[in-house]
Amino acid sequence: MPDYLEKFEKMRVAGNLAARTLDMLTDNIKPGVTTEFVDKLGYEFIRDNGGYSAPLFYRGFKKSLCTSLNHVVCHGIPSDRVLVEGDALNVDVTAIVDEHYGDTSRMFCIGKTPVKVNNLIDATYESMMRAINLLKPGLKLGDIGYEIQSFIEKKGYSVVRDFCGHGISTTFHEPPNILHYGRRNTGMELRPGMTFTIEPMINIGEWDVKMLKDGWTAVTKDKSLSAQFEHTLGITENGYEIFTESVKGYSKPPYL
C-alpha cells in the first residue's frame, strides 16, 4: 500500500472544507456586500466546520481570505470596499484541518460583467484544467507551465511570472514551485504522492505586477484586468486527484 494514502486522506478533508467554503460564499457574493463581509462569512464557516483559516496571521496577514478585485492579481486584503455590478472578484481560501492544508480559489462575477471579463475568466479556468488533465507520474514541471503559457498566449493574454503554484501538505508553502510558464520536458519529474497547487494568474494586458504599500496586494502594472483559479491536487500511481473540487459541481461563473 502506498505510504502517501494517509496524507491524501487528510488532504481530501482539508480540501473539501476549502471547496465547501467557496460553495457557501457563492450565494453571498453579490452587489452591495463588502469584501470584509465575505471574509467574515468564510472565517466563520471554516471555524464552525472544524478547521482554521491558514492566511489569518500568516506572516502578519490580518484576514482569513484573500479577495482580489479586477486588476488585483493576488493577495487582496478584505476591506470595506463594496462590490458593485461589473466587478470581477477572486476569492482564495485555505483551510487547515488536522495540520493539513487545502488551498483553492475561484472567480466570481458581480452582477453582469463585460464580455472581455467573461472571456478572460473562461480562458484562465481552461488553462488550469488543461494543465491538470496532463498530470501523471513522469510528467515534468515544465510541461505544466508550457501548457498554460502556450494556451493563454494564443488567446492574446499574458501569464504572471512573479507568483506560482507550490507544494502543500502539512506546510502552507513548500517545494516544488509550480511555474505557470515554461518549456516542455524540463524540470522535476512528477512522482506518486506529490501534493501541490496549480493556480495560474492571467492578465488581459502585460504580465508585469507591482506591490502596493500594504506589502501584500499585487496589482497589474498596466492596470489591466487579472483572473485566477486554483486547485490543490495530488499525483496518484497513474494520474491525479483534485482535493478541492466543488461539492456543488461549481467550476467557473456563472454558478447556476
C-alpha atoms as a PDB file:
ATOM      1  CA  MET A   1       0.000   0.000   0.000  1.00  0.00           C
ATOM      2  CA  PRO A   2       1.469   3.419  -0.959  1.00  0.00           C
ATOM      3  CA  ASP A   3       2.761   5.331   2.062  1.00  0.00           C
ATOM      4  CA  TYR A   4       1.065   8.579   0.977  1.00  0.00           C
ATOM      5  CA  LEU A   5      -2.521   7.318   1.321  1.00  0.00           C
ATOM      6  CA  GLU A   6      -2.910   8.687   4.849  1.00  0.00           C
ATOM      7  CA  LYS A   7      -1.658  12.089   3.687  1.00  0.00           C
ATOM      8  CA  PHE A   8      -4.097  12.039   0.767  1.00  0.00           C
ATOM      9  CA  GLU A   9      -6.990  11.219   3.087  1.00  0.00           C
ATOM     10  CA  LYS A  10      -6.196  14.239   5.264  1.00  0.00           C
ATOM     11  CA  MET A  11      -5.689  16.456   2.216  1.00  0.00           C
ATOM     12  CA  ARG A  12      -9.144  15.415   0.990  1.00  0.00           C
ATOM     13  CA  VAL A  13     -10.718  16.599   4.244  1.00  0.00           C
ATOM     14  CA  ALA A  14      -8.927  19.970   4.222  1.00  0.00           C
ATOM     15  CA  GLY A  15      -9.530  20.465   0.508  1.00  0.00           C
ATOM     16  CA  ASN A  16     -13.198  19.583   0.875  1.00  0.00           C
ATOM     17  CA  LEU A  17     -13.658  22.200   3.589  1.00  0.00           C
ATOM     18  CA  ALA A  18     -11.964  24.873   1.466  1.00  0.00           C
ATOM     19  CA  ALA A  19     -14.165  23.967  -1.510  1.00  0.00           C
ATOM     20  CA  ARG A  20     -17.343  23.951   0.586  1.00  0.00           C
ATOM     21  CA  THR A  21     -16.399  27.396   1.888  1.00  0.00           C
ATOM     22  CA  LEU A  22     -16.347  28.749  -1.670  1.00  0.00           C
ATOM     23  CA  ASP A  23     -19.603  26.919  -2.415  1.00  0.00           C
ATOM     24  CA  MET A  24     -21.222  28.606   0.597  1.00  0.00           C
ATOM     25  CA  LEU A  25     -19.882  32.025  -0.360  1.00  0.00           C
ATOM     26  CA  THR A  26     -21.288  31.815  -3.888  1.00  0.00           C
ATOM     27  CA  ASP A  27     -24.821  32.861  -2.900  1.00  0.00           C
ATOM     28  CA  ASN A  28     -23.462  35.672  -0.700  1.00  0.00           C
ATOM     29  CA  ILE A  29     -21.136  37.350  -3.193  1.00  0.00           C
ATOM     30  CA  LYS A  30     -23.312  39.972  -4.874  1.00  0.00           C
ATOM     31  CA  PRO A  31     -23.622  43.728  -5.383  1.00  0.00           C
ATOM     32  CA  GLY A  32     -23.829  45.691  -2.136  1.00  0.00           C
ATOM     33  CA  VAL A  33     -21.731  43.467   0.134  1.00  0.00           C
ATOM     34  CA  THR A  34     -18.181  44.259   1.212  1.00  0.00           C
ATOM     35  CA  THR A  35     -15.164  42.024   0.832  1.00  0.00           C
ATOM     36  CA  GLU A  36     -14.851  42.237   4.630  1.00  0.00           C
ATOM     37  CA  PHE A  37     -18.305  40.616   4.889  1.00  0.00           C
ATOM     38  CA  VAL A  38     -17.142  37.833   2.550  1.00  0.00           C
ATOM     39  CA  ASP A  39     -14.088  37.344   4.759  1.00  0.00           C
ATOM     40  CA  LYS A  40     -16.213  37.133   7.933  1.00  0.00           C
ATOM     41  CA  LEU A  41     -18.520  34.525   6.401  1.00  0.00           C
ATOM     42  CA  GLY A  42     -15.565  32.437   5.241  1.00  0.00           C
ATOM     43  CA  TYR A  43     -13.819  32.625   8.613  1.00  0.00           C
ATOM     44  CA  GLU A  44     -16.951  31.551  10.496  1.00  0.00           C
ATOM     45  CA  PHE A  45     -17.744  28.687   8.116  1.00  0.00           C
ATOM     46  CA  ILE A  46     -14.245  27.219   8.349  1.00  0.00           C
ATOM     47  CA  ARG A  47     -14.216  27.635  12.143  1.00  0.00           C
ATOM     48  CA  ASP A  48     -17.672  26.086  12.560  1.00  0.00           C
ATOM     49  CA  ASN A  49     -16.663  23.089  10.457  1.00  0.00           C
ATOM     50  CA  GLY A  50     -13.601  22.154  12.462  1.00  0.00           C
ATOM     51  CA  GLY A  51     -10.924  23.997  10.534  1.00  0.00           C
ATOM     52  CA  TYR A  52      -8.697  27.045  10.764  1.00  0.00           C
ATOM     53  CA  SER A  53      -8.125  29.741   8.122  1.00  0.00           C
ATOM     54  CA  ALA A  54      -4.476  29.471   7.094  1.00  0.00           C
ATOM     55  CA  PRO A  55      -3.997  33.089   5.897  1.00  0.00           C
ATOM     56  CA  LEU A  56      -5.099  34.554   9.248  1.00  0.00           C
ATOM     57  CA  PHE A  57      -1.921  35.931  10.892  1.00  0.00           C
ATOM     58  CA  TYR A  58       0.254  34.200   8.261  1.00  0.00           C
ATOM     59  CA  ARG A  59       3.349  36.428   8.101  1.00  0.00           C
ATOM     60  CA  GLY A  60       1.238  39.240   9.544  1.00  0.00           C
ATOM     61  CA  PHE A  61      -1.756  38.933   7.196  1.00  0.00           C
ATOM     62  CA  LYS A  62      -4.798  40.069   9.186  1.00  0.00           C
ATOM     63  CA  LYS A  63      -7.686  38.449   7.298  1.00  0.00           C
ATOM     64  CA  SER A  64      -8.926  34.905   6.730  1.00  0.00           C
ATOM     65  CA  LEU A  65      -9.314  35.024   2.947  1.00  0.00           C
ATOM     66  CA  CYS A  66      -7.723  36.850   0.036  1.00  0.00           C
ATOM     67  CA  THR A  67     -10.153  38.914  -2.050  1.00  0.00           C
ATOM     68  CA  SER A  68      -8.622  40.169  -5.292  1.00  0.00           C
ATOM     69  CA  LEU A  69     -10.740  42.581  -7.340  1.00  0.00           C
ATOM     70  CA  ASN A  70     -10.434  43.460 -11.015  1.00  0.00           C
ATOM     71  CA  HIS A  71      -6.782  44.489 -11.574  1.00  0.00           C
ATOM     72  CA  VAL A  72      -5.587  42.908  -8.310  1.00  0.00           C
ATOM     73  CA  VAL A  73      -3.559  39.832  -9.267  1.00  0.00           C
ATOM     74  CA  CYS A  74      -3.491  38.140  -5.854  1.00  0.00           C
ATOM     75  CA  HIS A  75      -3.371  38.587  -2.068  1.00  0.00           C
ATOM     76  CA  GLY A  76      -6.004  41.325  -1.996  1.00  0.00           C
ATOM     77  CA  ILE A  77      -6.937  42.231   1.598  1.00  0.00           C
ATOM     78  CA  PRO A  78     -10.656  42.185   2.522  1.00  0.00           C
ATOM     79  CA  SER A  79     -11.902  45.681   3.355  1.00  0.00           C
ATOM     80  CA  ASP A  80     -14.951  47.928   3.424  1.00  0.00           C
ATOM     81  CA  ARG A  81     -14.888  48.055  -0.399  1.00  0.00           C
ATOM     82  CA  VAL A  82     -18.459  47.416  -1.595  1.00  0.00           C
ATOM     83  CA  LEU A  83     -18.891  45.064  -4.537  1.00  0.00           C
ATOM     84  CA  VAL A  84     -20.634  46.689  -7.494  1.00  0.00           C
ATOM     85  CA  GLU A  85     -22.140  45.491 -10.756  1.00  0.00           C
ATOM     86  CA  GLY A  86     -19.400  44.556 -13.230  1.00  0.00           C
ATOM     87  CA  ASP A  87     -16.702  43.715 -10.673  1.00  0.00           C
ATOM     88  CA  ALA A  88     -14.697  40.518 -11.069  1.00  0.00           C
ATOM     89  CA  LEU A  89     -13.544  39.020  -7.774  1.00  0.00           C
ATOM     90  CA  ASN A  90     -11.168  36.192  -6.935  1.00  0.00           C
ATOM     91  CA  VAL A  91     -11.667  34.619  -3.514  1.00  0.00           C
ATOM     92  CA  ASP A  92      -8.764  32.479  -2.268  1.00  0.00           C
ATOM     93  CA  VAL A  93      -9.462  30.127   0.646  1.00  0.00           C
ATOM     94  CA  THR A  94      -7.022  27.921   2.533  1.00  0.00           C
ATOM     95  CA  ALA A  95      -8.348  25.685   5.299  1.00  0.00           C
ATOM     96  CA  ILE A  96      -6.255  23.740   7.798  1.00  0.00           C
ATOM     97  CA  VAL A  97      -7.747  20.537   9.209  1.00  0.00           C
ATOM     98  CA  ASP A  98      -5.666  18.100  11.263  1.00  0.00           C
ATOM     99  CA  GLU A  99      -2.495  20.026  10.304  1.00  0.00           C
ATOM    100  CA  HIS A 100      -3.115  19.520   6.560  1.00  0.00           C
ATOM    101  CA  TYR A 101      -3.881  22.336   4.101  1.00  0.00           C
ATOM    102  CA  GLY A 102      -6.472  22.706   1.353  1.00  0.00           C
ATOM    103  CA  ASP A 103      -5.915  25.746  -0.890  1.00  0.00           C
ATOM    104  CA  THR A 104      -8.293  26.835  -3.644  1.00  0.00           C
ATOM    105  CA  SER A 105      -9.642  29.925  -5.380  1.00  0.00           C
ATOM    106  CA  ARG A 106     -12.412  30.809  -7.805  1.00  0.00           C
ATOM    107  CA  MET A 107     -13.534  33.841  -9.757  1.00  0.00           C
ATOM    108  CA  PHE A 108     -16.892  35.490  -9.112  1.00  0.00           C
ATOM    109  CA  CYS A 109     -18.743  37.858 -11.436  1.00  0.00           C
ATOM    110  CA  ILE A 110     -20.656  40.584  -9.612  1.00  0.00           C
ATOM    111  CA  GLY A 111     -23.925  41.062 -11.471  1.00  0.00           C
ATOM    112  CA  LYS A 112     -23.458  41.362 -15.228  1.00  0.00           C
ATOM    113  CA  THR A 113     -19.818  41.589 -16.262  1.00  0.00           C
ATOM    114  CA  PRO A 114     -18.428  42.726 -19.638  1.00  0.00           C
ATOM    115  CA  VAL A 115     -17.681  40.135 -22.330  1.00  0.00           C
ATOM    116  CA  LYS A 116     -13.923  40.835 -22.068  1.00  0.00           C
ATOM    117  CA  VAL A 117     -14.054  39.890 -18.368  1.00  0.00           C
ATOM    118  CA  ASN A 118     -16.003  36.708 -19.055  1.00  0.00           C
ATOM    119  CA  ASN A 119     -13.592  35.681 -21.817  1.00  0.00           C
ATOM    120  CA  LEU A 120     -10.572  36.211 -19.543  1.00  0.00           C
ATOM    121  CA  ILE A 121     -12.191  34.158 -16.763  1.00  0.00           C
ATOM    122  CA  ASP A 122     -13.082  31.338 -19.168  1.00  0.00           C
ATOM    123  CA  ALA A 123      -9.542  31.211 -20.571  1.00  0.00           C
ATOM    124  CA  THR A 124      -7.973  31.261 -17.099  1.00  0.00           C
ATOM    125  CA  TYR A 125     -10.113  28.354 -15.920  1.00  0.00           C
ATOM    126  CA  GLU A 126      -9.463  26.364 -19.079  1.00  0.00           C
ATOM    127  CA  SER A 127      -5.707  26.904 -18.820  1.00  0.00           C
ATOM    128  CA  MET A 128      -5.700  25.465 -15.299  1.00  0.00           C
ATOM    129  CA  MET A 129      -7.799  22.445 -16.273  1.00  0.00           C
ATOM    130  CA  ARG A 130      -5.740  21.745 -19.398  1.00  0.00           C
ATOM    131  CA  ALA A 131      -2.629  21.582 -17.208  1.00  0.00           C
ATOM    132  CA  ILE A 132      -4.340  19.440 -14.555  1.00  0.00           C
ATOM    133  CA  ASN A 133      -5.559  16.975 -17.172  1.00  0.00           C
ATOM    134  CA  LEU A 134      -1.941  16.277 -18.194  1.00  0.00           C
ATOM    135  CA  LEU A 135      -0.851  15.239 -14.709  1.00  0.00           C
ATOM    136  CA  LYS A 136       0.643  11.786 -14.144  1.00  0.00           C
ATOM    137  CA  PRO A 137       3.874  10.302 -12.828  1.00  0.00           C
ATOM    138  CA  GLY A 138       6.823  11.082 -15.104  1.00  0.00           C
ATOM    139  CA  LEU A 139       5.411  14.358 -16.440  1.00  0.00           C
ATOM    140  CA  LYS A 140       7.862  17.218 -15.954  1.00  0.00           C
ATOM    141  CA  LEU A 141       7.049  20.513 -14.245  1.00  0.00           C
ATOM    142  CA  GLY A 142       7.957  22.452 -17.372  1.00  0.00           C
ATOM    143  CA  ASP A 143       5.130  20.711 -19.234  1.00  0.00           C
ATOM    144  CA  ILE A 144       2.604  22.206 -16.791  1.00  0.00           C
ATOM    145  CA  GLY A 145       3.897  25.719 -17.402  1.00  0.00           C
ATOM    146  CA  TYR A 146       4.162  25.197 -21.163  1.00  0.00           C
ATOM    147  CA  GLU A 147       0.554  24.018 -21.424  1.00  0.00           C
ATOM    148  CA  ILE A 148      -0.763  27.091 -19.597  1.00  0.00           C
ATOM    149  CA  GLN A 149       1.521  29.617 -21.295  1.00  0.00           C
ATOM    150  CA  SER A 150       1.032  28.355 -24.849  1.00  0.00           C
ATOM    151  CA  PHE A 151      -2.763  28.220 -24.485  1.00  0.00           C
ATOM    152  CA  ILE A 152      -3.001  31.648 -22.847  1.00  0.00           C
ATOM    153  CA  GLU A 153      -0.660  33.482 -25.197  1.00  0.00           C
ATOM    154  CA  LYS A 154      -2.567  32.184 -28.232  1.00  0.00           C
ATOM    155  CA  LYS A 155      -5.589  33.930 -26.708  1.00  0.00           C
ATOM    156  CA  GLY A 156      -3.628  37.195 -26.539  1.00  0.00           C
ATOM    157  CA  TYR A 157      -3.328  37.225 -22.730  1.00  0.00           C
ATOM    158  CA  SER A 158      -0.241  37.018 -20.512  1.00  0.00           C
ATOM    159  CA  VAL A 159       0.843  34.749 -17.648  1.00  0.00           C
ATOM    160  CA  VAL A 160       2.004  36.383 -14.414  1.00  0.00           C
ATOM    161  CA  ARG A 161       5.621  35.378 -13.648  1.00  0.00           C
ATOM    162  CA  ASP A 162       6.004  36.768 -10.121  1.00  0.00           C
ATOM    163  CA  PHE A 163       3.787  34.177  -8.394  1.00  0.00           C
ATOM    164  CA  CYS A 164       3.428  30.449  -8.855  1.00  0.00           C
ATOM    165  CA  GLY A 165       1.826  27.296  -7.535  1.00  0.00           C
ATOM    166  CA  HIS A 166       3.562  25.456  -4.718  1.00  0.00           C
ATOM    167  CA  GLY A 167       3.930  22.228  -2.860  1.00  0.00           C
ATOM    168  CA  ILE A 168       1.493  21.921   0.040  1.00  0.00           C
ATOM    169  CA  SER A 169       0.683  19.323   2.710  1.00  0.00           C
ATOM    170  CA  THR A 170       1.398  19.982   6.396  1.00  0.00           C
ATOM    171  CA  THR A 171       3.064  23.264   5.362  1.00  0.00           C
ATOM    172  CA  PHE A 172       1.283  26.091   3.547  1.00  0.00           C
ATOM    173  CA  HIS A 173       4.072  26.653   1.000  1.00  0.00           C
ATOM    174  CA  GLU A 174       6.768  24.069   0.349  1.00  0.00           C
ATOM    175  CA  PRO A 175       8.802  22.841  -2.661  1.00  0.00           C
ATOM    176  CA  PRO A 176       8.424  22.460  -5.539  1.00  0.00           C
ATOM    177  CA  ASN A 177       7.438  25.745  -7.162  1.00  0.00           C
ATOM    178  CA  ILE A 178       4.878  25.179  -9.929  1.00  0.00           C
ATOM    179  CA  LEU A 179       5.535  27.815 -12.594  1.00  0.00           C
ATOM    180  CA  HIS A 180       2.683  28.675 -14.951  1.00  0.00           C
ATOM    181  CA  TYR A 181       5.062  29.258 -17.866  1.00  0.00           C
ATOM    182  CA  GLY A 182       7.916  27.133 -19.134  1.00  0.00           C
ATOM    183  CA  ARG A 183       9.392  24.762 -21.685  1.00  0.00           C
ATOM    184  CA  ARG A 184       8.370  21.202 -22.437  1.00  0.00           C
ATOM    185  CA  ASN A 185      10.352  18.327 -20.958  1.00  0.00           C
ATOM    186  CA  THR A 186      12.191  20.477 -18.404  1.00  0.00           C
ATOM    187  CA  GLY A 187      12.228  20.473 -14.624  1.00  0.00           C
ATOM    188  CA  MET A 188      11.458  17.893 -11.959  1.00  0.00           C
ATOM    189  CA  GLU A 189       9.508  14.734 -12.788  1.00  0.00           C
ATOM    190  CA  LEU A 190       6.205  14.215 -11.021  1.00  0.00           C
ATOM    191  CA  ARG A 191       6.001  11.157  -8.794  1.00  0.00           C
ATOM    192  CA  PRO A 192       3.157   9.491  -6.879  1.00  0.00           C
ATOM    193  CA  GLY A 193       2.425  11.119  -3.539  1.00  0.00           C
ATOM    194  CA  MET A 194       3.369  14.670  -4.544  1.00  0.00           C
ATOM    195  CA  THR A 195       0.805  17.297  -3.490  1.00  0.00           C
ATOM    196  CA  PHE A 196       0.793  20.845  -4.849  1.00  0.00           C
ATOM    197  CA  THR A 197      -1.330  23.684  -6.224  1.00  0.00           C
ATOM    198  CA  ILE A 198      -1.841  24.885  -9.770  1.00  0.00           C
ATOM    199  CA  GLU A 199      -3.093  28.482  -9.716  1.00  0.00           C
ATOM    200  CA  PRO A 200      -2.493  30.463 -12.906  1.00  0.00           C
ATOM    201  CA  MET A 201      -2.846  34.255 -12.735  1.00  0.00           C
ATOM    202  CA  ILE A 202      -3.714  35.599 -16.179  1.00  0.00           C
ATOM    203  CA  ASN A 203      -3.778  39.242 -17.305  1.00  0.00           C
ATOM    204  CA  ILE A 204      -5.561  40.897 -20.212  1.00  0.00           C
ATOM    205  CA  GLY A 205      -2.535  43.203 -20.607  1.00  0.00           C
ATOM    206  CA  GLU A 206       1.136  42.700 -19.796  1.00  0.00           C
ATOM    207  CA  TRP A 207       2.296  40.200 -17.175  1.00  0.00           C
ATOM    208  CA  ASP A 208       4.189  42.722 -15.025  1.00  0.00           C
ATOM    209  CA  VAL A 209       2.888  43.314 -11.498  1.00  0.00           C
ATOM    210  CA  LYS A 210       3.672  45.756  -8.712  1.00  0.00           C
ATOM    211  CA  MET A 211       3.159  45.544  -4.952  1.00  0.00           C
ATOM    212  CA  LEU A 212       1.079  48.084  -3.079  1.00  0.00           C
ATOM    213  CA  LYS A 213       2.382  49.739   0.087  1.00  0.00           C
ATOM    214  CA  ASP A 214       0.499  47.263   2.309  1.00  0.00           C
ATOM    215  CA  GLY A 215       3.152  44.703   1.359  1.00  0.00           C
ATOM    216  CA  TRP A 216       0.570  42.130   0.222  1.00  0.00           C
ATOM    217  CA  THR A 217      -1.619  43.352  -2.607  1.00  0.00           C
ATOM    218  CA  ALA A 218      -0.178  42.625  -6.047  1.00  0.00           C
ATOM    219  CA  VAL A 219      -1.737  44.530  -8.956  1.00  0.00           C
ATOM    220  CA  THR A 220      -1.145  44.616 -12.694  1.00  0.00           C
ATOM    221  CA  LYS A 221       1.369  47.316 -13.519  1.00  0.00           C
ATOM    222  CA  ASP A 222      -0.691  48.496 -16.521  1.00  0.00           C
ATOM    223  CA  LYS A 223      -3.966  48.369 -14.513  1.00  0.00           C
ATOM    224  CA  SER A 224      -5.364  45.686 -16.835  1.00  0.00           C
ATOM    225  CA  LEU A 225      -7.773  43.053 -15.556  1.00  0.00           C
ATOM    226  CA  SER A 226      -6.481  39.851 -13.989  1.00  0.00           C
ATOM    227  CA  ALA A 227      -8.084  36.492 -13.190  1.00  0.00           C
ATOM    228  CA  GLN A 228      -7.085  33.353 -11.280  1.00  0.00           C
ATOM    229  CA  PHE A 229      -8.310  29.879 -10.374  1.00  0.00           C
ATOM    230  CA  GLU A 230      -6.609  27.393  -8.052  1.00  0.00           C
ATOM    231  CA  HIS A 231      -6.855  23.742  -7.079  1.00  0.00           C
ATOM    232  CA  THR A 232      -4.874  21.594  -4.645  1.00  0.00           C
ATOM    233  CA  LEU A 233      -4.156  18.133  -6.032  1.00  0.00           C
ATOM    234  CA  GLY A 234      -2.090  15.006  -5.604  1.00  0.00           C
ATOM    235  CA  ILE A 235      -0.270  12.714  -8.007  1.00  0.00           C
ATOM    236  CA  THR A 236      -1.510   9.094  -7.923  1.00  0.00           C
ATOM    237  CA  GLU A 237       0.055   5.925  -9.343  1.00  0.00           C
ATOM    238  CA  ASN A 238      -1.437   6.602 -12.776  1.00  0.00           C
ATOM    239  CA  GLY A 239      -2.826  10.140 -12.750  1.00  0.00           C
ATOM    240  CA  TYR A 240      -4.045  12.728 -10.286  1.00  0.00           C
ATOM    241  CA  GLU A 241      -6.696  13.566  -7.721  1.00  0.00           C
ATOM    242  CA  ILE A 242      -8.157  17.060  -7.162  1.00  0.00           C
ATOM    243  CA  PHE A 243      -8.736  17.642  -3.433  1.00  0.00           C
ATOM    244  CA  THR A 244     -10.602  20.950  -3.802  1.00  0.00           C
ATOM    245  CA  GLU A 245     -13.393  20.153  -6.259  1.00  0.00           C
ATOM    246  CA  SER A 246     -16.722  21.863  -5.601  1.00  0.00           C
ATOM    247  CA  VAL A 247     -19.234  19.711  -3.749  1.00  0.00           C
ATOM    248  CA  LYS A 248     -21.991  21.510  -5.685  1.00  0.00           C
ATOM    249  CA  GLY A 249     -20.334  20.995  -9.048  1.00  0.00           C
ATOM    250  CA  TYR A 250     -19.313  24.658  -9.454  1.00  0.00           C
ATOM    251  CA  SER A 251     -16.383  25.245 -11.791  1.00  0.00           C
ATOM    252  CA  LYS A 252     -16.437  28.787 -13.215  1.00  0.00           C
ATOM    253  CA  PRO A 253     -19.009  31.591 -13.437  1.00  0.00           C
ATOM    254  CA  PRO A 254     -21.927  31.661 -13.901  1.00  0.00           C
ATOM    255  CA  TYR A 255     -22.559  29.372 -10.914  1.00  0.00           C
ATOM    256  CA  LEU A 256     -26.064  28.080 -11.595  1.00  0.00           C
END
